[in-house]
C-alpha atoms as a PDB file:
ATOM      1  CA  MET A   1      -0.003  -0.011   0.005  1.00  0.00           C
ATOM      2  CA  ASN A   2       1.547   3.334  -1.061  1.00  0.00           C
ATOM      3  CA  LYS A   3       1.748   6.293   1.326  1.00  0.00           C
ATOM      4  CA  SER A   4      -1.045   8.331  -0.275  1.00  0.00           C
ATOM      5  CA  LEU A   5      -3.511   5.414  -0.053  1.00  0.00           C
ATOM      6  CA  LEU A   6      -2.574   4.762   3.580  1.00  0.00           C
ATOM      7  CA  ASN A   7      -3.180   8.382   4.513  1.00  0.00           C
ATOM      8  CA  PHE A   8      -6.548   8.307   2.789  1.00  0.00           C
ATOM      9  CA  CYS A   9      -7.603   5.130   4.730  1.00  0.00           C
ATOM     10  CA  LEU A  10      -6.560   6.698   8.074  1.00  0.00           C
ATOM     11  CA  LEU A  11      -8.457   9.884   7.280  1.00  0.00           C
ATOM     12  CA  ALA A  12     -11.579   7.936   6.315  1.00  0.00           C
ATOM     13  CA  PHE A  13     -11.373   5.869   9.573  1.00  0.00           C
ATOM     14  CA  ALA A  14     -11.041   9.017  11.661  1.00  0.00           C
ATOM     15  CA  THR A  15     -13.981  10.594   9.904  1.00  0.00           C
ATOM     16  CA  PHE A  16     -16.291   7.668  10.508  1.00  0.00           C
ATOM     17  CA  ALA A  17     -15.085   7.001  14.093  1.00  0.00           C
ATOM     18  CA  ALA A  18     -15.462  10.545  15.384  1.00  0.00           C
ATOM     19  CA  PRO A  19     -19.264  10.707  15.329  1.00  0.00           C
ATOM     20  CA  THR A  20     -19.436   7.364  17.150  1.00  0.00           C
ATOM     21  CA  ASP A  21     -17.156   8.626  19.953  1.00  0.00           C
ATOM     22  CA  ALA A  22     -19.197  11.812  20.236  1.00  0.00           C
ATOM     23  CA  ALA A  23     -22.402   9.854  20.419  1.00  0.00           C
ATOM     24  CA  GLU A  24     -21.054   7.645  23.183  1.00  0.00           C
ATOM     25  CA  THR A  25     -20.004  10.694  25.131  1.00  0.00           C
ATOM     26  CA  ALA A  26     -23.428  12.313  24.664  1.00  0.00           C
ATOM     27  CA  THR A  27     -25.307   9.230  25.843  1.00  0.00           C
ATOM     28  CA  ALA A  28     -23.068   8.518  28.820  1.00  0.00           C
ATOM     29  CA  ALA A  29     -25.082   8.505  32.098  1.00  0.00           C
ATOM     30  CA  LYS A  30     -24.544  11.591  34.277  1.00  0.00           C
ATOM     31  CA  PRO A  31     -24.872  11.550  38.074  1.00  0.00           C
ATOM     32  CA  ALA A  32     -28.019  13.116  39.460  1.00  0.00           C
ATOM     33  CA  ALA A  33     -29.573  13.707  42.920  1.00  0.00           C
ATOM     34  CA  HIS A  34     -31.102  10.742  44.749  1.00  0.00           C
ATOM     35  CA  ILE A  35     -33.692  11.273  47.444  1.00  0.00           C
ATOM     36  CA  ILE A  36     -34.462   8.467  49.885  1.00  0.00           C
ATOM     37  CA  TYR A  37     -37.432   8.253  52.307  1.00  0.00           C
ATOM     38  CA  LEU A  38     -37.137   5.660  55.074  1.00  0.00           C
ATOM     39  CA  VAL A  39     -40.315   4.717  56.987  1.00  0.00           C
ATOM     40  CA  ARG A  40     -40.140   2.657  60.133  1.00  0.00           C
ATOM     41  CA  HIS A  41     -42.843  -0.020  60.477  1.00  0.00           C
ATOM     42  CA  GLY A  42     -45.892   0.619  62.583  1.00  0.00           C
ATOM     43  CA  HIS A  43     -46.570  -0.480  66.174  1.00  0.00           C
ATOM     44  CA  TYR A  44     -46.578  -4.200  66.872  1.00  0.00           C
ATOM     45  CA  VAL A  45     -46.913  -6.518  69.864  1.00  0.00           C
ATOM     46  CA  SER A  46     -43.999  -8.930  70.462  1.00  0.00           C
ATOM     47  CA  ASP A  47     -44.814 -12.630  70.251  1.00  0.00           C
ATOM     48  CA  PRO A  48     -42.051 -15.112  71.213  1.00  0.00           C
ATOM     49  CA  ALA A  49     -44.062 -17.945  69.623  1.00  0.00           C
ATOM     50  CA  ILE A  50     -43.427 -16.479  66.132  1.00  0.00           C
ATOM     51  CA  ASP A  51     -40.248 -17.120  64.206  1.00  0.00           C
ATOM     52  CA  GLU A  52     -38.016 -14.111  65.068  1.00  0.00           C
ATOM     53  CA  LYS A  53     -36.742 -13.963  61.423  1.00  0.00           C
ATOM     54  CA  ILE A  54     -40.288 -13.061  60.383  1.00  0.00           C
ATOM     55  CA  GLY A  55     -41.736 -11.559  63.547  1.00  0.00           C
ATOM     56  CA  PRO A  56     -45.330 -10.479  64.233  1.00  0.00           C
ATOM     57  CA  GLY A  57     -47.433  -8.268  62.086  1.00  0.00           C
ATOM     58  CA  ILE A  58     -48.487  -4.775  63.075  1.00  0.00           C
ATOM     59  CA  SER A  59     -51.236  -4.053  65.561  1.00  0.00           C
ATOM     60  CA  PRO A  60     -54.402  -1.981  64.880  1.00  0.00           C
ATOM     61  CA  ILE A  61     -52.476   1.032  66.211  1.00  0.00           C
ATOM     62  CA  GLY A  62     -49.697   0.177  63.794  1.00  0.00           C
ATOM     63  CA  SER A  63     -52.149  -0.023  60.910  1.00  0.00           C
ATOM     64  CA  ALA A  64     -53.564   3.423  61.761  1.00  0.00           C
ATOM     65  CA  GLN A  65     -50.020   4.823  61.942  1.00  0.00           C
ATOM     66  CA  ALA A  66     -49.131   3.318  58.596  1.00  0.00           C
ATOM     67  CA  ASP A  67     -52.235   4.691  56.870  1.00  0.00           C
ATOM     68  CA  LEU A  68     -51.407   8.211  58.131  1.00  0.00           C
ATOM     69  CA  ALA A  69     -47.806   7.830  56.921  1.00  0.00           C
ATOM     70  CA  GLY A  70     -49.111   6.701  53.569  1.00  0.00           C
ATOM     71  CA  ALA A  71     -51.381   9.681  53.357  1.00  0.00           C
ATOM     72  CA  ARG A  72     -48.439  11.983  54.213  1.00  0.00           C
ATOM     73  CA  LEU A  73     -46.314  10.428  51.534  1.00  0.00           C
ATOM     74  CA  ALA A  74     -49.083  10.569  48.934  1.00  0.00           C
ATOM     75  CA  GLY A  75     -49.470  14.296  49.602  1.00  0.00           C
ATOM     76  CA  LEU A  76     -45.869  15.054  48.881  1.00  0.00           C
ATOM     77  CA  PRO A  77     -45.071  16.756  45.513  1.00  0.00           C
ATOM     78  CA  VAL A  78     -42.920  13.797  44.462  1.00  0.00           C
ATOM     79  CA  LYS A  79     -43.273  10.589  42.521  1.00  0.00           C
ATOM     80  CA  PHE A  80     -41.585   7.540  43.914  1.00  0.00           C
ATOM     81  CA  ASP A  81     -39.512   5.628  41.431  1.00  0.00           C
ATOM     82  CA  ASN A  82     -38.753   2.516  43.523  1.00  0.00           C
ATOM     83  CA  TYR A  83     -40.313   0.840  46.606  1.00  0.00           C
ATOM     84  CA  TYR A  84     -38.268  -1.450  48.914  1.00  0.00           C
ATOM     85  CA  VAL A  85     -39.301  -3.339  52.024  1.00  0.00           C
ATOM     86  CA  SER A  86     -37.769  -5.579  54.699  1.00  0.00           C
ATOM     87  CA  PRO A  87     -38.732  -9.302  54.618  1.00  0.00           C
ATOM     88  CA  MET A  88     -40.113  -9.085  58.193  1.00  0.00           C
ATOM     89  CA  GLN A  89     -43.893  -9.138  58.621  1.00  0.00           C
ATOM     90  CA  ARG A  90     -44.331  -5.872  60.488  1.00  0.00           C
ATOM     91  CA  ALA A  91     -42.477  -4.044  57.688  1.00  0.00           C
ATOM     92  CA  ARG A  92     -44.446  -5.852  54.993  1.00  0.00           C
ATOM     93  CA  ASP A  93     -47.741  -5.042  56.688  1.00  0.00           C
ATOM     94  CA  THR A  94     -46.749  -1.419  56.985  1.00  0.00           C
ATOM     95  CA  ALA A  95     -45.782  -1.257  53.310  1.00  0.00           C
ATOM     96  CA  ALA A  96     -49.107  -2.882  52.314  1.00  0.00           C
ATOM     97  CA  VAL A  97     -51.065  -0.203  54.168  1.00  0.00           C
ATOM     98  CA  ILE A  98     -48.855   2.573  52.837  1.00  0.00           C
ATOM     99  CA  GLY A  99     -49.242   1.192  49.359  1.00  0.00           C
ATOM    100  CA  GLN A 100     -52.997   1.694  49.484  1.00  0.00           C
ATOM    101  CA  ASN A 101     -52.295   5.436  49.431  1.00  0.00           C
ATOM    102  CA  LEU A 102     -49.727   5.288  46.626  1.00  0.00           C
ATOM    103  CA  SER A 103     -51.133   4.272  43.286  1.00  0.00           C
ATOM    104  CA  GLY A 104     -48.991   1.786  41.336  1.00  0.00           C
ATOM    105  CA  SER A 105     -46.667   1.058  44.225  1.00  0.00           C
ATOM    106  CA  GLN A 106     -44.954  -2.355  44.052  1.00  0.00           C
ATOM    107  CA  PHE A 107     -42.554  -3.179  46.869  1.00  0.00           C
ATOM    108  CA  LYS A 108     -39.431  -5.227  46.265  1.00  0.00           C
ATOM    109  CA  VAL A 109     -38.243  -7.278  49.276  1.00  0.00           C
ATOM    110  CA  ILE A 110     -34.636  -6.661  50.246  1.00  0.00           C
ATOM    111  CA  GLU A 111     -33.336  -9.307  52.647  1.00  0.00           C
ATOM    112  CA  ASP A 112     -30.576  -7.045  53.940  1.00  0.00           C
ATOM    113  CA  LEU A 113     -33.208  -4.630  55.302  1.00  0.00           C
ATOM    114  CA  ALA A 114     -34.266  -7.109  58.006  1.00  0.00           C
ATOM    115  CA  GLU A 115     -34.021  -5.805  61.569  1.00  0.00           C
ATOM    116  CA  CYS A 116     -30.729  -6.550  63.297  1.00  0.00           C
ATOM    117  CA  THR A 117     -28.472  -5.061  65.922  1.00  0.00           C
ATOM    118  CA  PRO A 118     -25.169  -3.476  64.768  1.00  0.00           C
ATOM    119  CA  PRO A 119     -22.349  -2.726  67.261  1.00  0.00           C
ATOM    120  CA  THR A 120     -23.185  -0.018  69.753  1.00  0.00           C
ATOM    121  CA  HIS A 121     -21.472   1.732  72.715  1.00  0.00           C
ATOM    122  CA  ASP A 122     -24.196   0.403  75.047  1.00  0.00           C
ATOM    123  CA  LYS A 123     -22.417  -2.410  76.965  1.00  0.00           C
ATOM    124  CA  LYS A 124     -25.690  -3.949  78.157  1.00  0.00           C
ATOM    125  CA  ILE A 125     -26.864  -4.511  74.611  1.00  0.00           C
ATOM    126  CA  MET A 126     -23.474  -5.714  73.450  1.00  0.00           C
ATOM    127  CA  ALA A 127     -23.368  -8.255  76.264  1.00  0.00           C
ATOM    128  CA  GLY A 128     -26.488  -9.939  74.916  1.00  0.00           C
ATOM    129  CA  GLU A 129     -25.326 -10.103  71.307  1.00  0.00           C
ATOM    130  CA  LYS A 130     -23.210 -12.773  69.613  1.00  0.00           C
ATOM    131  CA  PRO A 131     -20.061 -11.440  67.713  1.00  0.00           C
ATOM    132  CA  GLU A 132     -21.118 -13.284  64.566  1.00  0.00           C
ATOM    133  CA  ASP A 133     -24.581 -11.687  64.653  1.00  0.00           C
ATOM    134  CA  LEU A 134     -23.105  -8.214  65.078  1.00  0.00           C
ATOM    135  CA  ALA A 135     -20.731  -8.860  62.192  1.00  0.00           C
ATOM    136  CA  ALA A 136     -23.553 -10.215  59.961  1.00  0.00           C
ATOM    137  CA  CYS A 137     -25.672  -7.159  60.716  1.00  0.00           C
ATOM    138  CA  THR A 138     -22.851  -4.747  59.924  1.00  0.00           C
ATOM    139  CA  ALA A 139     -22.202  -6.561  56.657  1.00  0.00           C
ATOM    140  CA  ALA A 140     -25.875  -6.436  55.633  1.00  0.00           C
ATOM    141  CA  LEU A 141     -26.245  -2.720  56.377  1.00  0.00           C
ATOM    142  CA  ASN A 142     -22.975  -1.945  54.577  1.00  0.00           C
ATOM    143  CA  ARG A 143     -24.341  -3.728  51.518  1.00  0.00           C
ATOM    144  CA  VAL A 144     -27.533  -1.719  51.637  1.00  0.00           C
ATOM    145  CA  PHE A 145     -25.657   1.535  51.877  1.00  0.00           C
ATOM    146  CA  ALA A 146     -23.276   0.638  49.096  1.00  0.00           C
ATOM    147  CA  ASP A 147     -25.997  -0.614  46.769  1.00  0.00           C
ATOM    148  CA  TYR A 148     -28.694   1.977  47.288  1.00  0.00           C
ATOM    149  CA  PHE A 149     -27.222   5.105  48.935  1.00  0.00           C
ATOM    150  CA  LYS A 150     -25.513   6.640  45.899  1.00  0.00           C
ATOM    151  CA  PRO A 151     -26.340   9.230  43.279  1.00  0.00           C
ATOM    152  CA  ALA A 152     -28.962   8.517  40.630  1.00  0.00           C
ATOM    153  CA  GLN A 153     -28.211   8.445  36.922  1.00  0.00           C
ATOM    154  CA  ASP A 154     -29.379  10.971  34.346  1.00  0.00           C
ATOM    155  CA  GLN A 155     -32.286  12.450  36.384  1.00  0.00           C
ATOM    156  CA  THR A 156     -33.313  12.870  40.053  1.00  0.00           C
ATOM    157  CA  ARG A 157     -34.695   9.653  41.575  1.00  0.00           C
ATOM    158  CA  THR A 158     -36.862   9.269  44.686  1.00  0.00           C
ATOM    159  CA  ASP A 159     -37.058   5.903  46.466  1.00  0.00           C
ATOM    160  CA  LEU A 160     -39.103   4.673  49.432  1.00  0.00           C
ATOM    161  CA  PHE A 161     -37.829   2.157  51.984  1.00  0.00           C
ATOM    162  CA  VAL A 162     -40.024   0.562  54.662  1.00  0.00           C
ATOM    163  CA  CYS A 163     -37.885  -1.089  57.311  1.00  0.00           C
ATOM    164  CA  HIS A 164     -36.789  -0.956  60.956  1.00  0.00           C
ATOM    165  CA  GLY A 165     -35.527   1.382  63.653  1.00  0.00           C
ATOM    166  CA  ASN A 166     -32.046  -0.040  64.034  1.00  0.00           C
ATOM    167  CA  VAL A 167     -31.601  -0.167  60.245  1.00  0.00           C
ATOM    168  CA  ILE A 168     -32.717   3.403  59.730  1.00  0.00           C
ATOM    169  CA  ARG A 169     -30.583   4.802  62.564  1.00  0.00           C
ATOM    170  CA  SER A 170     -27.519   2.967  61.365  1.00  0.00           C
ATOM    171  CA  LEU A 171     -27.976   4.178  57.817  1.00  0.00           C
ATOM    172  CA  VAL A 172     -28.396   7.761  59.068  1.00  0.00           C
ATOM    173  CA  VAL A 173     -25.116   7.830  61.009  1.00  0.00           C
ATOM    174  CA  HIS A 174     -23.454   6.212  58.020  1.00  0.00           C
ATOM    175  CA  ALA A 175     -24.741   9.035  55.820  1.00  0.00           C
ATOM    176  CA  LEU A 176     -23.549  11.599  58.326  1.00  0.00           C
ATOM    177  CA  GLY A 177     -20.090  10.038  58.320  1.00  0.00           C
ATOM    178  CA  VAL A 178     -19.946   9.902  62.134  1.00  0.00           C
ATOM    179  CA  ASP A 179     -19.059   7.102  64.533  1.00  0.00           C
ATOM    180  CA  PRO A 180     -21.062   4.099  63.273  1.00  0.00           C
ATOM    181  CA  ASP A 181     -21.515   2.829  66.820  1.00  0.00           C
ATOM    182  CA  SER A 182     -23.420   5.964  67.824  1.00  0.00           C
ATOM    183  CA  TRP A 183     -26.683   5.002  66.096  1.00  0.00           C
ATOM    184  CA  LEU A 184     -28.385   4.292  69.387  1.00  0.00           C
ATOM    185  CA  SER A 185     -28.210   7.989  70.254  1.00  0.00           C
ATOM    186  CA  LEU A 186     -30.942   8.572  67.647  1.00  0.00           C
ATOM    187  CA  SER A 187     -34.606   7.668  68.178  1.00  0.00           C
ATOM    188  CA  VAL A 188     -37.178   7.039  65.414  1.00  0.00           C
ATOM    189  CA  GLY A 189     -40.778   6.239  66.365  1.00  0.00           C
ATOM    190  CA  HIS A 190     -43.170   3.818  64.658  1.00  0.00           C
ATOM    191  CA  ALA A 191     -44.278   4.941  61.176  1.00  0.00           C
ATOM    192  CA  SER A 192     -41.870   7.880  61.355  1.00  0.00           C
ATOM    193  CA  ILE A 193     -40.346   9.330  58.164  1.00  0.00           C
ATOM    194  CA  THR A 194     -36.642   9.899  57.634  1.00  0.00           C
ATOM    195  CA  LYS A 195     -35.392  11.737  54.525  1.00  0.00           C
ATOM    196  CA  ILE A 196     -31.895  11.690  53.061  1.00  0.00           C
ATOM    197  CA  ARG A 197     -30.720  13.448  49.933  1.00  0.00           C
ATOM    198  CA  ILE A 198     -27.643  12.324  48.012  1.00  0.00           C
ATOM    199  CA  GLU A 199     -26.363  15.027  45.706  1.00  0.00           C
ATOM    200  CA  ALA A 200     -25.016  14.297  42.222  1.00  0.00           C
ATOM    201  CA  ASP A 201     -21.499  14.733  43.529  1.00  0.00           C
ATOM    202  CA  GLY A 202     -22.052  12.175  46.300  1.00  0.00           C
ATOM    203  CA  ARG A 203     -22.534  14.512  49.232  1.00  0.00           C
ATOM    204  CA  PHE A 204     -25.139  13.490  51.791  1.00  0.00           C
ATOM    205  CA  LYS A 205     -27.766  15.800  53.286  1.00  0.00           C
ATOM    206  CA  VAL A 206     -29.876  14.336  56.154  1.00  0.00           C
ATOM    207  CA  ILE A 207     -33.016  16.357  55.899  1.00  0.00           C
ATOM    208  CA  ALA A 208     -35.292  14.730  58.471  1.00  0.00           C
ATOM    209  CA  VAL A 209     -34.951  11.958  61.056  1.00  0.00           C
ATOM    210  CA  GLY A 210     -37.919  10.313  62.729  1.00  0.00           C
ATOM    211  CA  ASP A 211     -40.524  12.875  61.538  1.00  0.00           C
ATOM    212  CA  VAL A 212     -43.909  12.049  63.073  1.00  0.00           C
ATOM    213  CA  GLY A 213     -45.786  15.243  62.150  1.00  0.00           C
ATOM    214  CA  HIS A 214     -48.448  13.136  60.433  1.00  0.00           C
ATOM    215  CA  LEU A 215     -49.346  11.339  63.682  1.00  0.00           C
ATOM    216  CA  PRO A 216     -51.589  12.745  66.462  1.00  0.00           C
ATOM    217  CA  PRO A 217     -50.126  12.600  70.002  1.00  0.00           C
ATOM    218  CA  ASN A 218     -52.211   9.629  71.062  1.00  0.00           C
ATOM    219  CA  LEU A 219     -50.694   7.537  68.253  1.00  0.00           C
ATOM    220  CA  LEU A 220     -47.066   8.237  69.021  1.00  0.00           C
ATOM    221  CA  THR A 221     -45.187   5.030  69.893  1.00  0.00           C
ATOM    222  CA  GLY A 222     -41.773   3.503  69.556  1.00  0.00           C
ATOM    223  CA  ALA A 223     -39.589   6.560  70.210  1.00  0.00           C
ATOM    224  CA  SER A 224     -37.806   7.409  73.446  1.00  0.00           C
ATOM    225  CA  GLY A 225     -40.369   8.761  75.981  1.00  0.00           C
ATOM    226  CA  ASP A 226     -43.390   7.431  74.106  1.00  0.00           C
ATOM    227  CA  PRO A 227     -45.711   5.465  76.465  1.00  0.00           C
ATOM    228  CA  ASP A 228     -47.175   2.106  75.647  1.00  0.00           C
ATOM    229  CA  ARG A 229     -50.622   2.403  74.070  1.00  0.00           C
ATOM    230  CA  SER A 230     -53.556   0.136  73.506  1.00  0.00           C
ATOM    231  CA  LEU A 231     -56.835   0.264  71.666  1.00  0.00           C
ATOM    232  CA  ALA A 232     -58.480  -1.925  74.271  1.00  0.00           C
ATOM    233  CA  ILE A 233     -61.690  -0.508  75.739  1.00  0.00           C
ATOM    234  CA  PRO A 234     -61.123   0.593  79.364  1.00  0.00           C
ATOM    235  CA  ALA A 235     -63.442  -0.387  82.149  1.00  0.00           C
ATOM    236  CA  LEU A 236     -66.336   1.991  82.789  1.00  0.00           C
ATOM    237  CA  PRO A 237     -65.526   4.185  85.863  1.00  0.00           C
END
């Protein structure tokens, strides 16, 4: 091949390749903001006879709380793109009630959202936990954070998670970048709403933690200082 023909072939290749490279650059996904809402399950009554991996469902109080949380979420000027839920029954019940308020919602079960106890500075709690359970919990929550707590692609995305108090508190301190063992210093009540925004550049903004503005005082349960409540009819004085 003579030199003139070789130069012509190289020029032709560059001419045809350039538009392709430009198209690939134009269609490459760009980071975008990602907004996450985390709702704790509603009130429930412990039952040692039920498999602890599944746990009991929510109580009538819990159902009322979940319905009000669902109404609050439905009234927000946002559209949820994805719905995730813990495999445990109280979270699934809560998601089912919330879903009645959100048209088209379909929750995907994430096993790693199951309630567990990560390491904490509270020595009494640590004394009752097995090292392997603590490690498994930490690993599960780290996977959730790595898989879901990152910027969206191309356009802002809003996701809803229905899970548990320990899970939510641990994810919050992780987002804040503070001591991971300090999660117990936070308190999130039943059916409370926590909101975290992840900017396109990866910065975290914790906007709300344990918001219960949608619940009346007589339905507040599960947070520090909240009394036990029941819907049982009291005896007539």
